[in-house]
Amino acid sequence: MLTWNRPGTIAGNLTIRANGQLAHAVNSGKVQTNWIELTIGGNVEIEANGQINAHGRGCTDYNYPLNSNQGSRACHGGFGVG
């Protein structure tokens, strides 16, 4: 597993091999400090059973960045350009 916790750039291609995983570290407290934010200069290929996985690593009721009294959140913000 490759753990990526900050904004970054990969100038070429990104390949996640079979059974490989790209993830970020678990967030704790009330501030989201870890996330995957990558600019990829080439192609992204995810082989069979490879994954980009943020399951259980984002915000919950208790550490949602804006208001912890509003119930569960999806707490995502992913987008693609290109």
Protein backbone atom coordinates (compact mmCIF):
# COMPACT_ATOMS: atom_id res chain seq x y z
CA MET A 1 0.00 0.00 0.00
CA LEU A 2 1.18 3.48 -0.86
CA THR A 3 0.02 6.14 1.63
CA TRP A 4 -0.26 9.68 0.24
CA ASN A 5 -1.20 12.50 2.66
CA ARG A 6 -0.53 15.78 0.90
CA PRO A 7 -1.01 17.55 -2.42
CA GLY A 8 1.44 16.41 -5.04
CA THR A 9 2.26 15.94 -8.69
CA ILE A 10 3.26 12.86 -10.65
CA ALA A 11 4.72 14.08 -13.93
CA GLY A 12 4.19 10.81 -15.80
CA ASN A 13 1.76 7.92 -15.51
CA LEU A 14 0.31 6.41 -12.34
CA THR A 15 -0.22 2.66 -12.32
CA ILE A 16 -1.74 0.85 -9.37
CA ARG A 17 -0.78 -2.79 -9.87
CA ALA A 18 -3.01 -5.81 -9.28
CA ASN A 19 -3.94 -5.95 -5.59
CA GLY A 20 -2.13 -2.63 -4.97
CA GLN A 21 -3.68 0.21 -3.01
CA LEU A 22 -3.33 3.97 -2.83
CA ALA A 23 -4.73 5.43 0.43
CA HIS A 24 -4.26 8.24 2.90
CA ALA A 25 -3.70 8.02 6.64
CA VAL A 26 -6.71 8.02 8.96
CA ASN A 27 -7.95 11.44 10.09
CA SER A 28 -8.59 12.05 13.77
CA GLY A 29 -9.79 14.96 15.83
CA LYS A 30 -11.83 17.77 14.31
CA VAL A 31 -9.41 18.73 11.54
CA GLN A 32 -9.01 16.80 8.31
CA THR A 33 -5.24 16.68 7.88
CA ASN A 34 -4.83 13.73 5.51
CA TRP A 35 -6.25 13.32 2.01
CA ILE A 36 -5.20 12.32 -1.50
CA GLU A 37 -4.74 15.25 -3.85
CA LEU A 38 -2.73 14.41 -6.95
CA THR A 39 -2.12 16.03 -10.30
CA ILE A 40 -1.20 13.31 -12.80
CA GLY A 41 0.68 14.39 -15.93
CA GLY A 42 0.00 11.16 -17.82
CA ASN A 43 -2.46 8.31 -17.63
CA VAL A 44 -3.92 6.56 -14.58
CA GLU A 45 -4.23 2.78 -14.82
CA ILE A 46 -5.69 0.61 -12.08
CA GLU A 47 -5.11 -3.08 -12.67
CA ALA A 48 -7.47 -5.88 -11.56
CA ASN A 49 -8.18 -5.70 -7.83
CA GLY A 50 -6.11 -2.52 -7.47
CA GLN A 51 -7.77 0.37 -5.67
CA ILE A 52 -7.76 3.95 -4.50
CA ASN A 53 -9.20 3.47 -1.05
CA ALA A 54 -10.28 6.05 1.50
CA HIS A 55 -12.73 3.74 3.30
CA GLY A 56 -12.84 4.52 7.02
CA ARG A 57 -10.19 7.24 6.70
CA GLY A 58 -12.31 10.37 6.27
CA CYS A 59 -14.61 12.34 8.49
CA THR A 60 -17.25 11.00 10.85
CA ASP A 61 -19.94 12.67 12.95
CA TYR A 62 -17.28 13.41 15.49
CA ASN A 63 -14.57 14.90 13.31
CA TYR A 64 -16.44 16.52 10.42
CA PRO A 65 -14.50 19.75 9.79
CA LEU A 66 -17.41 22.22 9.74
CA ASN A 67 -20.00 21.15 12.29
CA SER A 68 -19.92 18.01 14.40
CA ASN A 69 -23.60 18.31 15.37
CA GLN A 70 -25.17 17.67 11.97
CA GLY A 71 -25.06 13.84 11.79
CA SER A 72 -23.05 11.60 9.51
CA ARG A 73 -21.34 13.00 6.43
CA ALA A 74 -19.99 11.56 3.21
CA CYS A 75 -17.01 13.94 3.59
CA HIS A 76 -15.53 13.60 0.17
CA GLY A 77 -14.42 16.20 -2.30
CA GLY A 78 -12.89 14.27 -5.12
CA PHE A 79 -12.99 15.60 -8.63
CA GLY A 80 -11.26 14.96 -11.90
CA VAL A 81 -10.12 17.37 -14.55
CA GLY A 82 -9.29 16.47 -18.11
